[in-house]
C-alpha atoms as a PDB file:
ATOM      1  CA  MET A   1     197.922 243.359 180.220  1.00  0.00           C
ATOM      2  CA  GLU A   2     195.393 241.420 182.303  1.00  0.00           C
ATOM      3  CA  ARG A   3     193.790 240.103 179.129  1.00  0.00           C
ATOM      4  CA  SER A   4     197.171 238.812 177.927  1.00  0.00           C
ATOM      5  CA  GLU A   5     197.819 236.998 181.232  1.00  0.00           C
ATOM      6  CA  THR A   6     194.355 235.453 181.087  1.00  0.00           C
ATOM      7  CA  MET A   7     195.001 234.113 177.567  1.00  0.00           C
ATOM      8  CA  SER A   8     198.378 232.726 178.686  1.00  0.00           C
ATOM      9  CA  ASN A   9     196.806 230.962 181.669  1.00  0.00           C
ATOM     10  CA  LYS A  10     194.112 229.427 179.438  1.00  0.00           C
ATOM     11  CA  LYS A  11     196.763 228.040 177.037  1.00  0.00           C
ATOM     12  CA  SER A  12     198.756 226.662 179.982  1.00  0.00           C
ATOM     13  CA  PHE A  13     195.687 224.929 181.413  1.00  0.00           C
ATOM     14  CA  SER A  14     194.769 223.608 177.971  1.00  0.00           C
ATOM     15  CA  LEU A  15     198.263 222.143 177.418  1.00  0.00           C
ATOM     16  CA  LYS A  16     198.275 220.579 180.889  1.00  0.00           C
ATOM     17  CA  GLY A  17     194.869 219.088 180.220  1.00  0.00           C
ATOM     18  CA  ILE A  18     196.067 217.482 176.959  1.00  0.00           C
ATOM     19  CA  LEU A  19     199.199 216.075 178.627  1.00  0.00           C
ATOM     20  CA  ARG A  20     197.130 214.748 181.532  1.00  0.00           C
ATOM     21  CA  PHE A  21     194.739 213.126 179.068  1.00  0.00           C
ATOM     22  CA  LEU A  22     197.592 211.495 177.065  1.00  0.00           C
ATOM     23  CA  ASN A  23     199.259 210.217 180.248  1.00  0.00           C
ATOM     24  CA  SER A  24     196.099 208.654 181.629  1.00  0.00           C
ATOM     25  CA  ARG A  25     196.077 204.873 181.998  1.00  0.00           C
ATOM     26  CA  LYS A  26     193.291 204.432 179.488  1.00  0.00           C
ATOM     27  CA  VAL A  27     194.897 206.493 176.713  1.00  0.00           C
ATOM     28  CA  ALA A  28     198.665 205.990 177.181  1.00  0.00           C
ATOM     29  CA  PRO A  29     198.758 202.415 175.744  1.00  0.00           C
ATOM     30  CA  TYR A  30     197.069 203.577 172.550  1.00  0.00           C
ATOM     31  CA  VAL A  31     199.515 206.487 172.255  1.00  0.00           C
ATOM     32  CA  PHE A  32     202.494 204.113 172.421  1.00  0.00           C
ATOM     33  CA  VAL A  33     201.129 201.675 169.828  1.00  0.00           C
ATOM     34  CA  SER A  34     199.819 204.383 167.500  1.00  0.00           C
ATOM     35  CA  PRO A  35     203.075 204.611 165.404  1.00  0.00           C
ATOM     36  CA  PHE A  36     202.809 200.902 164.627  1.00  0.00           C
ATOM     37  CA  ILE A  37     199.099 201.153 163.853  1.00  0.00           C
ATOM     38  CA  VAL A  38     199.602 204.144 161.546  1.00  0.00           C
ATOM     39  CA  SER A  39     202.542 202.547 159.721  1.00  0.00           C
ATOM     40  CA  PHE A  40     200.589 199.275 159.381  1.00  0.00           C
ATOM     41  CA  LEU A  41     197.561 201.071 157.944  1.00  0.00           C
ATOM     42  CA  VAL A  42     199.574 203.228 155.526  1.00  0.00           C
ATOM     43  CA  LEU A  43     202.352 200.840 154.471  1.00  0.00           C
ATOM     44  CA  TYR A  44     200.621 197.433 154.621  1.00  0.00           C
ATOM     45  CA  LEU A  45     196.832 197.452 154.818  1.00  0.00           C
ATOM     46  CA  TYR A  46     196.167 200.252 152.305  1.00  0.00           C
ATOM     47  CA  PRO A  47     198.568 198.854 149.619  1.00  0.00           C
ATOM     48  CA  MET A  48     197.113 195.368 150.146  1.00  0.00           C
ATOM     49  CA  ILE A  49     193.550 196.611 149.645  1.00  0.00           C
ATOM     50  CA  GLN A  50     194.645 198.598 146.589  1.00  0.00           C
ATOM     51  CA  ALA A  51     196.370 195.501 145.143  1.00  0.00           C
ATOM     52  CA  ILE A  52     193.206 193.420 145.635  1.00  0.00           C
ATOM     53  CA  VAL A  53     191.107 196.107 143.931  1.00  0.00           C
ATOM     54  CA  MET A  54     193.671 196.436 141.123  1.00  0.00           C
ATOM     55  CA  SER A  55     193.598 192.681 140.511  1.00  0.00           C
ATOM     56  CA  PHE A  56     190.044 193.078 139.193  1.00  0.00           C
ATOM     57  CA  GLN A  57     191.004 195.915 136.858  1.00  0.00           C
ATOM     58  CA  GLN A  58     192.806 196.495 133.599  1.00  0.00           C
ATOM     59  CA  VAL A  59     195.234 199.279 134.409  1.00  0.00           C
ATOM     60  CA  LEU A  60     196.465 201.525 131.595  1.00  0.00           C
ATOM     61  CA  PRO A  61     198.158 204.947 131.889  1.00  0.00           C
ATOM     62  CA  GLY A  62     195.401 207.312 133.018  1.00  0.00           C
ATOM     63  CA  GLN A  63     192.672 204.692 132.638  1.00  0.00           C
ATOM     64  CA  THR A  64     191.389 201.803 134.765  1.00  0.00           C
ATOM     65  CA  THR A  65     188.637 199.430 133.697  1.00  0.00           C
ATOM     66  CA  PHE A  66     186.861 196.867 135.869  1.00  0.00           C
ATOM     67  CA  ILE A  67     187.149 193.459 134.160  1.00  0.00           C
ATOM     68  CA  GLY A  68     185.944 191.100 136.909  1.00  0.00           C
ATOM     69  CA  THR A  69     187.921 187.881 137.386  1.00  0.00           C
ATOM     70  CA  HIS A  70     189.588 187.947 133.951  1.00  0.00           C
ATOM     71  CA  ASN A  71     193.078 188.492 135.448  1.00  0.00           C
ATOM     72  CA  TYR A  72     192.625 185.502 137.742  1.00  0.00           C
ATOM     73  CA  GLN A  73     191.512 183.318 134.823  1.00  0.00           C
ATOM     74  CA  ARG A  74     194.709 184.260 132.961  1.00  0.00           C
ATOM     75  CA  ILE A  75     196.855 183.020 135.855  1.00  0.00           C
ATOM     76  CA  LEU A  76     196.098 179.398 134.991  1.00  0.00           C
ATOM     77  CA  ASN A  77     198.832 179.155 132.362  1.00  0.00           C
ATOM     78  CA  PRO A  78     201.979 176.954 132.044  1.00  0.00           C
ATOM     79  CA  THR A  79     204.382 179.808 132.814  1.00  0.00           C
ATOM     80  CA  PHE A  80     202.739 180.524 136.170  1.00  0.00           C
ATOM     81  CA  PHE A  81     202.773 176.854 137.151  1.00  0.00           C
ATOM     82  CA  GLN A  82     206.445 176.595 136.169  1.00  0.00           C
ATOM     83  CA  ALA A  83     207.232 179.663 138.293  1.00  0.00           C
ATOM     84  CA  LEU A  84     205.231 178.179 141.175  1.00  0.00           C
ATOM     85  CA  GLY A  85     207.051 174.852 140.806  1.00  0.00           C
ATOM     86  CA  ASN A  86     210.450 176.565 140.836  1.00  0.00           C
ATOM     87  CA  THR A  87     209.459 178.580 143.919  1.00  0.00           C
ATOM     88  CA  ALA A  88     208.092 175.534 145.765  1.00  0.00           C
ATOM     89  CA  THR A  89     211.292 173.577 145.035  1.00  0.00           C
ATOM     90  CA  TYR A  90     213.391 176.492 146.259  1.00  0.00           C
ATOM     91  CA  VAL A  91     211.310 176.774 149.459  1.00  0.00           C
ATOM     92  CA  PHE A  92     211.561 173.016 150.115  1.00  0.00           C
ATOM     93  CA  PHE A  93     215.359 172.889 149.934  1.00  0.00           C
ATOM     94  CA  THR A  94     215.990 176.188 151.744  1.00  0.00           C
ATOM     95  CA  VAL A  95     213.720 175.193 154.644  1.00  0.00           C
ATOM     96  CA  ILE A  96     215.589 171.903 155.093  1.00  0.00           C
ATOM     97  CA  ILE A  97     219.043 173.482 154.808  1.00  0.00           C
ATOM     98  CA  LEU A  98     218.355 176.690 156.734  1.00  0.00           C
ATOM     99  CA  VAL A  99     216.744 174.859 159.665  1.00  0.00           C
ATOM    100  CA  MET A 100     218.753 171.647 160.059  1.00  0.00           C
ATOM    101  CA  ILE A 101     222.300 172.917 159.450  1.00  0.00           C
ATOM    102  CA  PRO A 102     221.993 175.994 161.760  1.00  0.00           C
ATOM    103  CA  ILE A 103     220.690 173.766 164.580  1.00  0.00           C
ATOM    104  CA  VAL A 104     223.744 171.503 164.363  1.00  0.00           C
ATOM    105  CA  LEU A 105     226.205 174.386 163.994  1.00  0.00           C
ATOM    106  CA  SER A 106     224.649 176.340 166.877  1.00  0.00           C
ATOM    107  CA  VAL A 107     225.028 173.310 169.184  1.00  0.00           C
ATOM    108  CA  PHE A 108     228.729 173.117 168.272  1.00  0.00           C
ATOM    109  CA  LEU A 109     229.182 176.882 168.691  1.00  0.00           C
ATOM    110  CA  ASN A 110     227.468 176.694 172.094  1.00  0.00           C
ATOM    111  CA  SER A 111     229.841 173.971 173.299  1.00  0.00           C
ATOM    112  CA  LYS A 112     232.066 174.937 176.230  1.00  0.00           C
ATOM    113  CA  SER A 113     234.970 172.942 174.800  1.00  0.00           C
ATOM    114  CA  LEU A 114     235.105 174.934 171.540  1.00  0.00           C
ATOM    115  CA  TYR A 115     237.779 177.636 171.249  1.00  0.00           C
ATOM    116  CA  PHE A 116     237.440 180.873 169.217  1.00  0.00           C
ATOM    117  CA  LYS A 117     233.638 180.693 169.373  1.00  0.00           C
ATOM    118  CA  ASN A 118     233.179 184.417 168.764  1.00  0.00           C
ATOM    119  CA  PHE A 119     235.424 184.259 165.697  1.00  0.00           C
ATOM    120  CA  PHE A 120     233.368 181.426 164.169  1.00  0.00           C
ATOM    121  CA  ARG A 121     230.075 183.166 165.013  1.00  0.00           C
ATOM    122  CA  ALA A 122     231.210 186.401 163.358  1.00  0.00           C
ATOM    123  CA  SER A 123     232.551 184.528 160.317  1.00  0.00           C
ATOM    124  CA  LEU A 124     229.221 182.779 159.777  1.00  0.00           C
ATOM    125  CA  PHE A 125     227.236 186.020 160.196  1.00  0.00           C
ATOM    126  CA  ILE A 126     229.302 188.159 157.788  1.00  0.00           C
ATOM    127  CA  PRO A 127     227.602 186.796 154.597  1.00  0.00           C
ATOM    128  CA  ALA A 128     224.274 188.247 155.832  1.00  0.00           C
ATOM    129  CA  LEU A 129     225.851 191.712 155.666  1.00  0.00           C
ATOM    130  CA  THR A 130     226.960 191.209 152.068  1.00  0.00           C
ATOM    131  CA  SER A 131     224.933 192.715 149.224  1.00  0.00           C
ATOM    132  CA  VAL A 132     223.136 190.022 147.254  1.00  0.00           C
ATOM    133  CA  ILE A 133     224.258 191.740 144.034  1.00  0.00           C
ATOM    134  CA  VAL A 134     227.920 191.573 145.036  1.00  0.00           C
ATOM    135  CA  ALA A 135     227.539 187.987 146.226  1.00  0.00           C
ATOM    136  CA  GLY A 136     225.735 187.077 142.994  1.00  0.00           C
ATOM    137  CA  ILE A 137     228.564 188.488 140.856  1.00  0.00           C
ATOM    138  CA  ILE A 138     231.124 186.468 142.819  1.00  0.00           C
ATOM    139  CA  PHE A 139     229.016 183.324 142.532  1.00  0.00           C
ATOM    140  CA  ARG A 140     228.628 183.861 138.763  1.00  0.00           C
ATOM    141  CA  MET A 141     232.402 184.105 138.442  1.00  0.00           C
ATOM    142  CA  MET A 142     232.980 181.007 140.588  1.00  0.00           C
ATOM    143  CA  PHE A 143     230.337 178.977 138.743  1.00  0.00           C
ATOM    144  CA  GLY A 144     231.111 180.301 135.266  1.00  0.00           C
ATOM    145  CA  GLU A 145     230.553 178.211 132.143  1.00  0.00           C
ATOM    146  CA  SER A 146     234.181 178.247 130.982  1.00  0.00           C
ATOM    147  CA  GLU A 147     236.669 175.528 131.857  1.00  0.00           C
ATOM    148  CA  ASN A 148     238.766 178.137 133.673  1.00  0.00           C
ATOM    149  CA  SER A 149     236.074 179.038 136.216  1.00  0.00           C
ATOM    150  CA  PHE A 150     236.946 178.155 139.804  1.00  0.00           C
ATOM    151  CA  VAL A 151     234.432 175.336 140.341  1.00  0.00           C
ATOM    152  CA  ASN A 152     234.919 173.796 136.889  1.00  0.00           C
ATOM    153  CA  GLU A 153     238.670 173.698 137.491  1.00  0.00           C
ATOM    154  CA  LEU A 154     238.021 171.831 140.751  1.00  0.00           C
ATOM    155  CA  LEU A 155     235.810 169.373 138.851  1.00  0.00           C
ATOM    156  CA  GLY A 156     238.572 168.958 136.277  1.00  0.00           C
ATOM    157  CA  LEU A 157     241.010 167.944 139.029  1.00  0.00           C
ATOM    158  CA  VAL A 158     238.812 164.942 139.861  1.00  0.00           C
ATOM    159  CA  GLY A 159     238.305 164.047 136.184  1.00  0.00           C
ATOM    160  CA  MET A 160     234.802 165.515 135.719  1.00  0.00           C
ATOM    161  CA  GLU A 161     233.577 167.488 132.704  1.00  0.00           C
ATOM    162  CA  PRO A 162     232.872 171.246 133.025  1.00  0.00           C
ATOM    163  CA  VAL A 163     229.255 172.093 133.941  1.00  0.00           C
ATOM    164  CA  GLN A 164     227.075 174.763 132.335  1.00  0.00           C
ATOM    165  CA  TRP A 165     225.771 175.850 135.724  1.00  0.00           C
ATOM    166  CA  ARG A 166     223.287 178.533 134.629  1.00  0.00           C
ATOM    167  CA  TYR A 167     221.800 176.554 131.738  1.00  0.00           C
ATOM    168  CA  GLY A 168     220.397 173.492 133.506  1.00  0.00           C
ATOM    169  CA  ALA A 169     217.265 173.296 135.663  1.00  0.00           C
ATOM    170  CA  GLY A 170     218.954 171.299 138.428  1.00  0.00           C
ATOM    171  CA  THR A 171     222.190 173.262 138.472  1.00  0.00           C
ATOM    172  CA  GLY A 172     220.302 176.567 138.287  1.00  0.00           C
ATOM    173  CA  MET A 173     218.213 175.648 141.325  1.00  0.00           C
ATOM    174  CA  PHE A 174     221.395 174.507 143.070  1.00  0.00           C
ATOM    175  CA  LEU A 175     222.950 177.955 142.539  1.00  0.00           C
ATOM    176  CA  MET A 176     219.915 179.803 143.955  1.00  0.00           C
ATOM    177  CA  VAL A 177     219.655 177.530 147.006  1.00  0.00           C
ATOM    178  CA  LEU A 178     223.409 177.694 147.586  1.00  0.00           C
ATOM    179  CA  LEU A 179     223.462 181.505 147.463  1.00  0.00           C
ATOM    180  CA  ALA A 180     220.496 181.837 149.851  1.00  0.00           C
ATOM    181  CA  SER A 181     221.933 179.243 152.250  1.00  0.00           C
ATOM    182  CA  TRP A 182     225.337 180.934 152.258  1.00  0.00           C
ATOM    183  CA  ARG A 183     223.755 184.285 153.126  1.00  0.00           C
ATOM    184  CA  TRP A 184     221.236 183.271 155.804  1.00  0.00           C
ATOM    185  CA  ILE A 185     222.752 180.353 157.707  1.00  0.00           C
ATOM    186  CA  GLY A 186     224.594 182.759 160.025  1.00  0.00           C
ATOM    187  CA  VAL A 187     221.398 184.642 160.904  1.00  0.00           C
ATOM    188  CA  ASN A 188     219.511 181.449 161.731  1.00  0.00           C
ATOM    189  CA  ILE A 189     222.452 180.264 163.848  1.00  0.00           C
ATOM    190  CA  LEU A 190     222.005 183.389 165.984  1.00  0.00           C
ATOM    191  CA  TYR A 191     218.332 182.529 166.541  1.00  0.00           C
ATOM    192  CA  PHE A 192     219.201 179.007 167.680  1.00  0.00           C
ATOM    193  CA  LEU A 193     222.099 180.212 169.840  1.00  0.00           C
ATOM    194  CA  ALA A 194     219.670 182.565 171.599  1.00  0.00           C
ATOM    195  CA  GLY A 195     217.303 179.633 172.136  1.00  0.00           C
ATOM    196  CA  LEU A 196     220.089 177.441 173.541  1.00  0.00           C
ATOM    197  CA  GLN A 197     220.842 180.025 176.242  1.00  0.00           C
ATOM    198  CA  ASN A 198     217.400 179.288 177.740  1.00  0.00           C
ATOM    199  CA  VAL A 199     217.923 175.511 177.993  1.00  0.00           C
ATOM    200  CA  SER A 200     218.393 174.629 181.653  1.00  0.00           C
ATOM    201  CA  GLU A 201     221.659 172.912 182.588  1.00  0.00           C
ATOM    202  CA  GLU A 202     219.666 170.830 185.073  1.00  0.00           C
ATOM    203  CA  LEU A 203     218.034 169.000 182.187  1.00  0.00           C
ATOM    204  CA  TYR A 204     221.441 167.955 180.824  1.00  0.00           C
ATOM    205  CA  GLU A 205     222.580 166.942 184.322  1.00  0.00           C
ATOM    206  CA  ALA A 206     219.467 164.813 184.742  1.00  0.00           C
ATOM    207  CA  ALA A 207     220.140 163.229 181.340  1.00  0.00           C
ATOM    208  CA  ASP A 208     223.725 162.466 182.419  1.00  0.00           C
ATOM    209  CA  ILE A 209     222.426 160.764 185.571  1.00  0.00           C
ATOM    210  CA  ASP A 210     220.111 158.647 183.411  1.00  0.00           C
ATOM    211  CA  GLY A 211     223.103 157.623 181.274  1.00  0.00           C
ATOM    212  CA  ALA A 212     222.112 159.483 178.104  1.00  0.00           C
ATOM    213  CA  ASN A 213     224.755 159.811 175.389  1.00  0.00           C
ATOM    214  CA  PRO A 214     225.331 163.105 173.449  1.00  0.00           C
ATOM    215  CA  TRP A 215     222.975 162.086 170.628  1.00  0.00           C
ATOM    216  CA  GLN A 216     220.161 161.233 173.056  1.00  0.00           C
ATOM    217  CA  LYS A 217     220.648 164.540 174.899  1.00  0.00           C
ATOM    218  CA  PHE A 218     220.471 166.394 171.596  1.00  0.00           C
ATOM    219  CA  LEU A 219     217.356 164.490 170.525  1.00  0.00           C
ATOM    220  CA  PHE A 220     215.381 164.499 173.800  1.00  0.00           C
ATOM    221  CA  VAL A 221     216.621 167.671 175.534  1.00  0.00           C
ATOM    222  CA  THR A 222     217.938 170.165 172.996  1.00  0.00           C
ATOM    223  CA  MET A 223     215.418 169.647 170.197  1.00  0.00           C
ATOM    224  CA  PRO A 224     212.252 169.947 172.358  1.00  0.00           C
ATOM    225  CA  ALA A 225     213.688 173.057 174.008  1.00  0.00           C
ATOM    226  CA  LEU A 226     214.352 174.606 170.603  1.00  0.00           C
ATOM    227  CA  LYS A 227     210.874 173.838 169.230  1.00  0.00           C
ATOM    228  CA  PRO A 228     209.571 177.467 169.409  1.00  0.00           C
ATOM    229  CA  VAL A 229     212.715 178.700 167.623  1.00  0.00           C
ATOM    230  CA  ILE A 230     212.415 175.963 164.987  1.00  0.00           C
ATOM    231  CA  ILE A 231     208.812 177.016 164.290  1.00  0.00           C
ATOM    232  CA  PHE A 232     209.845 180.663 163.997  1.00  0.00           C
ATOM    233  CA  VAL A 233     212.831 179.980 161.722  1.00  0.00           C
ATOM    234  CA  ALA A 234     210.819 177.597 159.526  1.00  0.00           C
ATOM    235  CA  THR A 235     208.007 180.148 159.181  1.00  0.00           C
ATOM    236  CA  ILE A 236     210.222 183.070 158.154  1.00  0.00           C
ATOM    237  CA  THR A 237     212.202 180.799 155.804  1.00  0.00           C
ATOM    238  CA  ILE A 238     209.001 179.688 154.054  1.00  0.00           C
ATOM    239  CA  ILE A 239     207.734 183.263 153.717  1.00  0.00           C
ATOM    240  CA  ASN A 240     211.098 184.572 152.488  1.00  0.00           C
ATOM    241  CA  GLY A 241     211.362 181.627 150.085  1.00  0.00           C
ATOM    242  CA  PHE A 242     208.049 182.418 148.415  1.00  0.00           C
ATOM    243  CA  ARG A 243     209.079 186.099 148.235  1.00  0.00           C
ATOM    244  CA  MET A 244     212.456 185.263 146.664  1.00  0.00           C
ATOM    245  CA  PHE A 245     213.456 187.436 143.706  1.00  0.00           C
ATOM    246  CA  GLU A 246     217.064 188.636 144.131  1.00  0.00           C
ATOM    247  CA  GLU A 247     218.779 185.242 143.877  1.00  0.00           C
ATOM    248  CA  SER A 248     217.110 184.578 140.541  1.00  0.00           C
ATOM    249  CA  PHE A 249     217.708 188.091 139.228  1.00  0.00           C
ATOM    250  CA  VAL A 250     221.454 188.135 139.928  1.00  0.00           C
ATOM    251  CA  PHE A 251     221.969 184.912 137.974  1.00  0.00           C
ATOM    252  CA  TRP A 252     219.657 185.498 134.972  1.00  0.00           C
ATOM    253  CA  GLU A 253     218.417 189.104 135.298  1.00  0.00           C
ATOM    254  CA  ASN A 254     215.204 189.419 133.259  1.00  0.00           C
ATOM    255  CA  SER A 255     214.987 185.964 131.681  1.00  0.00           C
ATOM    256  CA  SER A 256     216.480 182.522 132.141  1.00  0.00           C
ATOM    257  CA  PRO A 257     216.755 179.746 129.529  1.00  0.00           C
ATOM    258  CA  GLY A 258     213.507 177.783 129.579  1.00  0.00           C
ATOM    259  CA  ASN A 259     212.376 179.831 132.617  1.00  0.00           C
ATOM    260  CA  ILE A 260     214.518 177.593 134.861  1.00  0.00           C
ATOM    261  CA  GLY A 261     215.089 180.525 137.250  1.00  0.00           C
ATOM    262  CA  LEU A 262     211.632 182.089 137.052  1.00  0.00           C
ATOM    263  CA  THR A 263     209.920 182.485 140.435  1.00  0.00           C
ATOM    264  CA  VAL A 264     206.441 183.743 141.266  1.00  0.00           C
ATOM    265  CA  VAL A 265     207.760 187.160 142.314  1.00  0.00           C
ATOM    266  CA  GLY A 266     209.891 187.253 139.164  1.00  0.00           C
ATOM    267  CA  TYR A 267     206.730 186.509 137.180  1.00  0.00           C
ATOM    268  CA  ILE A 268     204.971 189.420 138.936  1.00  0.00           C
ATOM    269  CA  TYR A 269     207.901 191.693 138.029  1.00  0.00           C
ATOM    270  CA  ARG A 270     207.895 190.524 134.409  1.00  0.00           C
ATOM    271  CA  GLU A 271     204.151 190.957 133.877  1.00  0.00           C
ATOM    272  CA  GLY A 272     203.457 193.948 136.129  1.00  0.00           C
ATOM    273  CA  ILE A 273     206.546 196.105 135.535  1.00  0.00           C
ATOM    274  CA  GLN A 274     208.157 194.991 132.259  1.00  0.00           C
ATOM    275  CA  GLN A 275     204.907 194.229 130.399  1.00  0.00           C
ATOM    276  CA  ASN A 276     203.088 197.131 132.164  1.00  0.00           C
ATOM    277  CA  ASP A 277     200.154 194.829 132.991  1.00  0.00           C
ATOM    278  CA  MET A 278     199.643 195.975 136.574  1.00  0.00           C
ATOM    279  CA  GLY A 279     196.218 194.370 136.992  1.00  0.00           C
ATOM    280  CA  PHE A 280     197.526 190.913 136.055  1.00  0.00           C
ATOM    281  CA  GLY A 281     200.615 191.413 138.239  1.00  0.00           C
ATOM    282  CA  ALA A 282     198.371 192.373 141.171  1.00  0.00           C
ATOM    283  CA  ALA A 283     196.258 189.229 140.641  1.00  0.00           C
ATOM    284  CA  ILE A 284     199.397 187.049 140.778  1.00  0.00           C
ATOM    285  CA  GLY A 285     200.452 188.878 143.943  1.00  0.00           C
ATOM    286  CA  VAL A 286     197.082 188.201 145.616  1.00  0.00           C
ATOM    287  CA  VAL A 287     197.315 184.500 144.699  1.00  0.00           C
ATOM    288  CA  LEU A 288     200.865 184.380 146.095  1.00  0.00           C
ATOM    289  CA  MET A 289     199.672 185.989 149.334  1.00  0.00           C
ATOM    290  CA  LEU A 290     196.963 183.313 149.695  1.00  0.00           C
ATOM    291  CA  ILE A 291     199.502 180.536 148.985  1.00  0.00           C
ATOM    292  CA  ILE A 292     201.879 181.878 151.660  1.00  0.00           C
ATOM    293  CA  PHE A 293     198.995 182.163 154.130  1.00  0.00           C
ATOM    294  CA  VAL A 294     197.789 178.582 153.541  1.00  0.00           C
ATOM    295  CA  VAL A 295     201.303 177.065 153.609  1.00  0.00           C
ATOM    296  CA  SER A 296     202.158 178.947 156.818  1.00  0.00           C
ATOM    297  CA  ILE A 297     198.962 177.769 158.530  1.00  0.00           C
ATOM    298  CA  VAL A 298     199.603 174.155 157.477  1.00  0.00           C
ATOM    299  CA  GLN A 299     203.216 174.366 158.666  1.00  0.00           C
ATOM    300  CA  LEU A 300     202.207 175.858 162.038  1.00  0.00           C
ATOM    301  CA  LYS A 301     199.519 173.176 162.408  1.00  0.00           C
ATOM    302  CA  PHE A 302     202.098 170.482 161.570  1.00  0.00           C
ATOM    303  CA  PHE A 303     204.470 171.707 164.296  1.00  0.00           C
ATOM    304  CA  GLY A 304     201.617 171.982 166.811  1.00  0.00           C
ATOM    305  CA  ALA A 305     201.960 175.744 167.234  1.00  0.00           C
ATOM    306  CA  PHE A 306     198.227 176.122 167.899  1.00  0.00           C
ATOM    307  CA  LYS A 307     198.169 173.616 170.760  1.00  0.00           C
ATOM    308  CA  LYS A 308     197.657 175.040 174.235  1.00  0.00           C
ATOM    309  CA  GLU A 309     200.499 174.636 176.716  1.00  0.00           C
ATOM    310  CA  ASP A 310     199.850 172.193 179.563  1.00  0.00           C
END
């Protein structure tokens, strides 16, 4: 009986000691951040290292062979450069549209004189909740090739010829940019609306005293105050643009005429999954990661994100 009580007391002291150790000031911060660290190591760092290693290998079922930089030498081909050009064009237009238009709309939605603000905010955010597959099907019906499609009928009303939307390089890019803009404008508006809540009213009152008109207040008060949000939105738009795959897939699935809808991620999918060339697909993925890293650094440098605050 006494032996049993002694064992119970030892376990109690041991448990208290562990809890005291975990709650100590030196250990508690590491305990709280450990789920993020573990998930980062398992879900991000380990796959990234494996992808880099795989990019130097020829991967076949049950067999891997080290082939040096051969996969990287194969990347320098016309198809990759066409995919990179399509992706860069897509990123350029989406960054302009998904930064400039949400800024203007958020200023209007933040106006005190606007009625039904919550209704407009909800209406603009709803597309972000829509499945890209469902949205793509609707867009394909609206921009169909037949004369009876919705958009071609509108063009016919103004005397224009029907357009083969999914068979031209310009119109194909227009469809992808339009679909992405329709889905994500509402989300970016929320970011800018959150930023506008932190703009001091005193700044606008001072501008009124100085005789500034609405355009000057927008240019010299609102825009500087929104600079951190603009940098954030531009950065995530660039990264998401280079990672784009769904918008292309819903319009052309596995292949587009003349590769007009082929993106870098689509090229990875084609070579790595469809052609079962995982080593080459991993090499393209590593190159894409480096491109995103360099473009993001240049963009942050351009906006002055690395400058120290006065």
